[in-house]
PDB file of N, CA and C in Angstrom:
ATOM      1  N   UNK A   1      -2.549 -33.709 -56.091  1.00  0.00           N
ATOM      2  CA  UNK A   1      -2.855 -35.108 -55.817  1.00  0.00           C
ATOM      3  C   UNK A   1      -2.350 -35.952 -56.989  1.00  0.00           C
ATOM      4  N   UNK A   2      -1.962 -37.182 -56.722  1.00  0.00           N
ATOM      5  CA  UNK A   2      -1.494 -38.043 -57.804  1.00  0.00           C
ATOM      6  C   UNK A   2      -2.645 -38.475 -58.711  1.00  0.00           C
ATOM      7  N   UNK A   3      -2.287 -38.788 -59.936  1.00  0.00           N
ATOM      8  CA  UNK A   3      -3.290 -39.248 -60.904  1.00  0.00           C
ATOM      9  C   UNK A   3      -3.846 -40.608 -60.488  1.00  0.00           C
ATOM     10  N   UNK A   4      -5.154 -40.782 -60.641  1.00  0.00           N
ATOM     11  CA  UNK A   4      -5.825 -42.043 -60.356  1.00  0.00           C
ATOM     12  C   UNK A   4      -6.822 -42.285 -61.477  1.00  0.00           C
ATOM     13  N   UNK A   5      -6.748 -43.452 -62.110  1.00  0.00           N
ATOM     14  CA  UNK A   5      -7.706 -43.836 -63.148  1.00  0.00           C
ATOM     15  C   UNK A   5      -7.780 -42.796 -64.265  1.00  0.00           C
ATOM     16  N   UNK A   6      -6.637 -42.216 -64.650  1.00  0.00           N
ATOM     17  CA  UNK A   6      -6.609 -41.251 -65.754  1.00  0.00           C
ATOM     18  C   UNK A   6      -7.096 -39.866 -65.379  1.00  0.00           C
ATOM     19  N   UNK A   7      -7.264 -39.583 -64.098  1.00  0.00           N
ATOM     20  CA  UNK A   7      -7.732 -38.274 -63.626  1.00  0.00           C
ATOM     21  C   UNK A   7      -6.769 -37.710 -62.587  1.00  0.00           C
ATOM     22  N   UNK A   8      -6.589 -36.398 -62.624  1.00  0.00           N
ATOM     23  CA  UNK A   8      -5.840 -35.716 -61.572  1.00  0.00           C
ATOM     24  C   UNK A   8      -6.663 -34.505 -61.164  1.00  0.00           C
ATOM     25  N   UNK A   9      -6.974 -34.389 -59.876  1.00  0.00           N
ATOM     26  CA  UNK A   9      -7.829 -33.310 -59.408  1.00  0.00           C
ATOM     27  C   UNK A   9      -7.035 -32.338 -58.543  1.00  0.00           C
ATOM     28  N   UNK A  10      -7.548 -31.122 -58.440  1.00  0.00           N
ATOM     29  CA  UNK A  10      -6.900 -30.130 -57.603  1.00  0.00           C
ATOM     30  C   UNK A  10      -7.856 -28.986 -57.308  1.00  0.00           C
ATOM     31  N   UNK A  11      -7.435 -28.137 -56.408  1.00  0.00           N
ATOM     32  CA  UNK A  11      -8.249 -26.962 -56.106  1.00  0.00           C
ATOM     33  C   UNK A  11      -7.346 -25.777 -55.806  1.00  0.00           C
ATOM     34  N   UNK A  12      -7.908 -24.597 -55.925  1.00  0.00           N
ATOM     35  CA  UNK A  12      -7.203 -23.350 -55.678  1.00  0.00           C
ATOM     36  C   UNK A  12      -8.178 -22.414 -54.989  1.00  0.00           C
ATOM     37  N   UNK A  13      -7.698 -21.720 -53.977  1.00  0.00           N
ATOM     38  CA  UNK A  13      -8.534 -20.734 -53.284  1.00  0.00           C
ATOM     39  C   UNK A  13      -7.798 -19.404 -53.286  1.00  0.00           C
ATOM     40  N   UNK A  14      -8.479 -18.354 -53.717  1.00  0.00           N
ATOM     41  CA  UNK A  14      -7.880 -17.025 -53.740  1.00  0.00           C
ATOM     42  C   UNK A  14      -8.401 -16.219 -52.565  1.00  0.00           C
ATOM     43  N   UNK A  15      -7.463 -15.760 -51.714  1.00  0.00           N
ATOM     44  CA  UNK A  15      -7.777 -14.989 -50.529  1.00  0.00           C
ATOM     45  C   UNK A  15      -7.195 -13.592 -50.681  1.00  0.00           C
ATOM     46  N   UNK A  16      -7.869 -12.604 -50.146  1.00  0.00           N
ATOM     47  CA  UNK A  16      -7.354 -11.243 -50.097  1.00  0.00           C
ATOM     48  C   UNK A  16      -7.792 -10.631 -48.782  1.00  0.00           C
ATOM     49  N   UNK A  17      -6.845 -10.074 -48.057  1.00  0.00           N
ATOM     50  CA  UNK A  17      -7.119  -9.461 -46.755  1.00  0.00           C
ATOM     51  C   UNK A  17      -7.887 -10.405 -45.833  1.00  0.00           C
ATOM     52  N   UNK A  18      -7.409 -11.668 -45.790  1.00  0.00           N
ATOM     53  CA  UNK A  18      -7.989 -12.715 -44.931  1.00  0.00           C
ATOM     54  C   UNK A  18      -9.443 -13.042 -45.272  1.00  0.00           C
ATOM     55  N   UNK A  19      -9.841 -12.780 -46.516  1.00  0.00           N
ATOM     56  CA  UNK A  19     -11.210 -13.052 -46.966  1.00  0.00           C
ATOM     57  C   UNK A  19     -11.153 -13.886 -48.250  1.00  0.00           C
ATOM     58  N   UNK A  20     -11.952 -14.958 -48.289  1.00  0.00           N
ATOM     59  CA  UNK A  20     -12.013 -15.792 -49.483  1.00  0.00           C
ATOM     60  C   UNK A  20     -12.715 -15.022 -50.596  1.00  0.00           C
ATOM     61  N   UNK A  21     -12.069 -14.934 -51.753  1.00  0.00           N
ATOM     62  CA  UNK A  21     -12.640 -14.232 -52.908  1.00  0.00           C
ATOM     63  C   UNK A  21     -13.308 -15.229 -53.856  1.00  0.00           C
ATOM     64  N   UNK A  22     -12.591 -16.307 -54.228  1.00  0.00           N
ATOM     65  CA  UNK A  22     -13.196 -17.356 -55.053  1.00  0.00           C
ATOM     66  C   UNK A  22     -12.423 -18.653 -54.888  1.00  0.00           C
ATOM     67  N   UNK A  23     -13.052 -19.748 -55.322  1.00  0.00           N
ATOM     68  CA  UNK A  23     -12.443 -21.079 -55.326  1.00  0.00           C
ATOM     69  C   UNK A  23     -12.493 -21.628 -56.741  1.00  0.00           C
ATOM     70  N   UNK A  24     -11.547 -22.481 -57.044  1.00  0.00           N
ATOM     71  CA  UNK A  24     -11.485 -23.106 -58.360  1.00  0.00           C
ATOM     72  C   UNK A  24     -11.240 -24.595 -58.152  1.00  0.00           C
ATOM     73  N   UNK A  25     -12.010 -25.414 -58.826  1.00  0.00           N
ATOM     74  CA  UNK A  25     -11.838 -26.859 -58.766  1.00  0.00           C
ATOM     75  C   UNK A  25     -11.514 -27.340 -60.171  1.00  0.00           C
ATOM     76  N   UNK A  26     -10.492 -28.180 -60.291  1.00  0.00           N
ATOM     77  CA  UNK A  26     -10.067 -28.612 -61.616  1.00  0.00           C
ATOM     78  C   UNK A  26      -9.872 -30.115 -61.672  1.00  0.00           C
ATOM     79  N   UNK A  27     -10.011 -30.633 -62.886  1.00  0.00           N
ATOM     80  CA  UNK A  27      -9.845 -32.050 -63.150  1.00  0.00           C
ATOM     81  C   UNK A  27      -9.117 -32.180 -64.478  1.00  0.00           C
ATOM     82  N   UNK A  28      -7.949 -32.815 -64.454  1.00  0.00           N
ATOM     83  CA  UNK A  28      -7.222 -33.107 -65.690  1.00  0.00           C
ATOM     84  C   UNK A  28      -7.508 -34.563 -66.008  1.00  0.00           C
ATOM     85  N   UNK A  29      -8.046 -34.798 -67.201  1.00  0.00           N
ATOM     86  CA  UNK A  29      -8.480 -36.132 -67.611  1.00  0.00           C
ATOM     87  C   UNK A  29      -7.658 -36.577 -68.814  1.00  0.00           C
ATOM     88  N   UNK A  30      -7.080 -37.766 -68.729  1.00  0.00           N
ATOM     89  CA  UNK A  30      -6.367 -38.327 -69.868  1.00  0.00           C
ATOM     90  C   UNK A  30      -7.328 -39.140 -70.700  1.00  0.00           C
ATOM     91  N   UNK A  31      -7.377 -38.801 -71.989  1.00  0.00           N
ATOM     92  CA  UNK A  31      -8.240 -39.510 -72.942  1.00  0.00           C
ATOM     93  C   UNK A  31      -7.349 -39.977 -74.083  1.00  0.00           C
ATOM     94  N   UNK A  32      -6.836 -41.197 -73.975  1.00  0.00           N
ATOM     95  CA  UNK A  32      -5.862 -41.687 -74.953  1.00  0.00           C
ATOM     96  C   UNK A  32      -4.557 -40.933 -74.774  1.00  0.00           C
ATOM     97  N   UNK A  33      -4.073 -40.291 -75.859  1.00  0.00           N
ATOM     98  CA  UNK A  33      -2.842 -39.502 -75.782  1.00  0.00           C
ATOM     99  C   UNK A  33      -3.116 -38.039 -75.470  1.00  0.00           C
ATOM    100  N   UNK A  34      -4.378 -37.656 -75.395  1.00  0.00           N
ATOM    101  CA  UNK A  34      -4.763 -36.262 -75.130  1.00  0.00           C
ATOM    102  C   UNK A  34      -5.192 -36.070 -73.685  1.00  0.00           C
ATOM    103  N   UNK A  35      -5.137 -34.807 -73.253  1.00  0.00           N
ATOM    104  CA  UNK A  35      -5.573 -34.426 -71.919  1.00  0.00           C
ATOM    105  C   UNK A  35      -6.615 -33.329 -72.035  1.00  0.00           C
ATOM    106  N   UNK A  36      -7.595 -33.351 -71.143  1.00  0.00           N
ATOM    107  CA  UNK A  36      -8.594 -32.296 -71.054  1.00  0.00           C
ATOM    108  C   UNK A  36      -8.507 -31.673 -69.671  1.00  0.00           C
ATOM    109  N   UNK A  37      -8.605 -30.355 -69.615  1.00  0.00           N
ATOM    110  CA  UNK A  37      -8.624 -29.643 -68.346  1.00  0.00           C
ATOM    111  C   UNK A  37     -10.036 -29.120 -68.135  1.00  0.00           C
ATOM    112  N   UNK A  38     -10.656 -29.536 -67.061  1.00  0.00           N
ATOM    113  CA  UNK A  38     -12.005 -29.091 -66.730  1.00  0.00           C
ATOM    114  C   UNK A  38     -11.907 -28.264 -65.454  1.00  0.00           C
ATOM    115  N   UNK A  39     -12.402 -27.028 -65.514  1.00  0.00           N
ATOM    116  CA  UNK A  39     -12.298 -26.106 -64.384  1.00  0.00           C
ATOM    117  C   UNK A  39     -13.671 -25.552 -64.059  1.00  0.00           C
ATOM    118  N   UNK A  40     -13.952 -25.423 -62.775  1.00  0.00           N
ATOM    119  CA  UNK A  40     -15.201 -24.824 -62.307  1.00  0.00           C
ATOM    120  C   UNK A  40     -14.842 -23.806 -61.241  1.00  0.00           C
ATOM    121  N   UNK A  41     -15.360 -22.584 -61.378  1.00  0.00           N
ATOM    122  CA  UNK A  41     -15.093 -21.504 -60.429  1.00  0.00           C
ATOM    123  C   UNK A  41     -16.338 -21.229 -59.586  1.00  0.00           C
ATOM    124  N   UNK A  42     -16.089 -20.861 -58.330  1.00  0.00           N
ATOM    125  CA  UNK A  42     -17.175 -20.542 -57.405  1.00  0.00           C
ATOM    126  C   UNK A  42     -16.838 -19.263 -56.643  1.00  0.00           C
ATOM    127  N   UNK A  43     -17.859 -18.464 -56.400  1.00  0.00           N
ATOM    128  CA  UNK A  43     -17.699 -17.294 -55.540  1.00  0.00           C
ATOM    129  C   UNK A  43     -17.501 -17.763 -54.103  1.00  0.00           C
ATOM    130  N   UNK A  44     -17.214 -16.834 -53.208  1.00  0.00           N
ATOM    131  CA  UNK A  44     -16.976 -17.181 -51.803  1.00  0.00           C
ATOM    132  C   UNK A  44     -18.174 -17.886 -51.167  1.00  0.00           C
ATOM    133  N   UNK A  45     -19.393 -17.581 -51.629  1.00  0.00           N
ATOM    134  CA  UNK A  45     -20.595 -18.227 -51.072  1.00  0.00           C
ATOM    135  C   UNK A  45     -20.927 -19.549 -51.781  1.00  0.00           C
ATOM    136  N   UNK A  46     -19.980 -20.030 -52.609  1.00  0.00           N
ATOM    137  CA  UNK A  46     -20.091 -21.266 -53.400  1.00  0.00           C
ATOM    138  C   UNK A  46     -21.100 -21.191 -54.534  1.00  0.00           C
ATOM    139  N   UNK A  47     -21.568 -20.010 -54.883  1.00  0.00           N
ATOM    140  CA  UNK A  47     -22.401 -19.881 -56.085  1.00  0.00           C
ATOM    141  C   UNK A  47     -21.463 -19.946 -57.295  1.00  0.00           C
ATOM    142  N   UNK A  48     -21.850 -20.702 -58.335  1.00  0.00           N
ATOM    143  CA  UNK A  48     -20.956 -20.889 -59.486  1.00  0.00           C
ATOM    144  C   UNK A  48     -20.875 -19.642 -60.361  1.00  0.00           C
ATOM    145  N   UNK A  49     -19.721 -19.509 -61.020  1.00  0.00           N
ATOM    146  CA  UNK A  49     -19.583 -18.454 -62.020  1.00  0.00           C
ATOM    147  C   UNK A  49     -20.410 -18.868 -63.231  1.00  0.00           C
ATOM    148  N   UNK A  50     -20.697 -17.919 -64.096  1.00  0.00           N
ATOM    149  CA  UNK A  50     -21.477 -18.229 -65.292  1.00  0.00           C
ATOM    150  C   UNK A  50     -20.733 -19.217 -66.168  1.00  0.00           C
ATOM    151  N   UNK A  51     -21.487 -20.133 -66.775  1.00  0.00           N
ATOM    152  CA  UNK A  51     -20.900 -21.153 -67.632  1.00  0.00           C
ATOM    153  C   UNK A  51     -20.527 -20.539 -68.977  1.00  0.00           C
ATOM    154  N   UNK A  52     -19.329 -20.855 -69.450  1.00  0.00           N
ATOM    155  CA  UNK A  52     -18.864 -20.378 -70.750  1.00  0.00           C
ATOM    156  C   UNK A  52     -18.789 -21.545 -71.716  1.00  0.00           C
ATOM    157  N   UNK A  53     -18.748 -21.219 -73.008  1.00  0.00           N
ATOM    158  CA  UNK A  53     -18.645 -22.260 -74.017  1.00  0.00           C
ATOM    159  C   UNK A  53     -17.305 -22.976 -73.915  1.00  0.00           C
ATOM    160  N   UNK A  54     -17.307 -24.265 -74.246  1.00  0.00           N
ATOM    161  CA  UNK A  54     -16.083 -25.049 -74.262  1.00  0.00           C
ATOM    162  C   UNK A  54     -15.227 -24.615 -75.452  1.00  0.00           C
ATOM    163  N   UNK A  55     -13.906 -24.635 -75.262  1.00  0.00           N
ATOM    164  CA  UNK A  55     -13.013 -24.326 -76.381  1.00  0.00           C
ATOM    165  C   UNK A  55     -12.867 -25.547 -77.282  1.00  0.00           C
ATOM    166  N   UNK A  56     -12.958 -26.749 -76.675  1.00  0.00           N
ATOM    167  CA  UNK A  56     -12.841 -27.970 -77.467  1.00  0.00           C
ATOM    168  C   UNK A  56     -11.429 -28.253 -77.947  1.00  0.00           C
ATOM    169  N   UNK A  57     -10.463 -27.484 -77.465  1.00  0.00           N
ATOM    170  CA  UNK A  57      -9.078 -27.680 -77.904  1.00  0.00           C
ATOM    171  C   UNK A  57      -8.312 -28.502 -76.868  1.00  0.00           C
ATOM    172  N   UNK A  58      -7.765 -29.665 -77.259  1.00  0.00           N
ATOM    173  CA  UNK A  58      -6.945 -30.432 -76.321  1.00  0.00           C
ATOM    174  C   UNK A  58      -5.604 -29.746 -76.109  1.00  0.00           C
ATOM    175  N   UNK A  59      -4.939 -30.078 -75.039  1.00  0.00           N
ATOM    176  CA  UNK A  59      -3.618 -29.532 -74.779  1.00  0.00           C
ATOM    177  C   UNK A  59      -2.693 -30.666 -74.372  1.00  0.00           C
ATOM    178  N   UNK A  60      -1.422 -30.424 -74.394  1.00  0.00           N
ATOM    179  CA  UNK A  60      -0.476 -31.451 -74.010  1.00  0.00           C
ATOM    180  C   UNK A  60       0.785 -30.857 -73.419  1.00  0.00           C
ATOM    181  N   UNK A  61       1.562 -31.739 -72.804  1.00  0.00           N
ATOM    182  CA  UNK A  61       2.831 -31.303 -72.226  1.00  0.00           C
ATOM    183  C   UNK A  61       3.961 -31.873 -73.023  1.00  0.00           C
TER     184      UNK A  61
END
């Protein structure tokens, strides 16, 4: 999807043998000259994966 208001969102679904294994939802946020990637993973039943600590490291292209 195109960026809107400094955000770009997307999703990914992993399938195996015609069965959903997990989904991933992501948001790329522009904060000044830096970008943050925020990702959330869900099992097939939409239960979230365990939360991990943030790396706190910005990335760029």
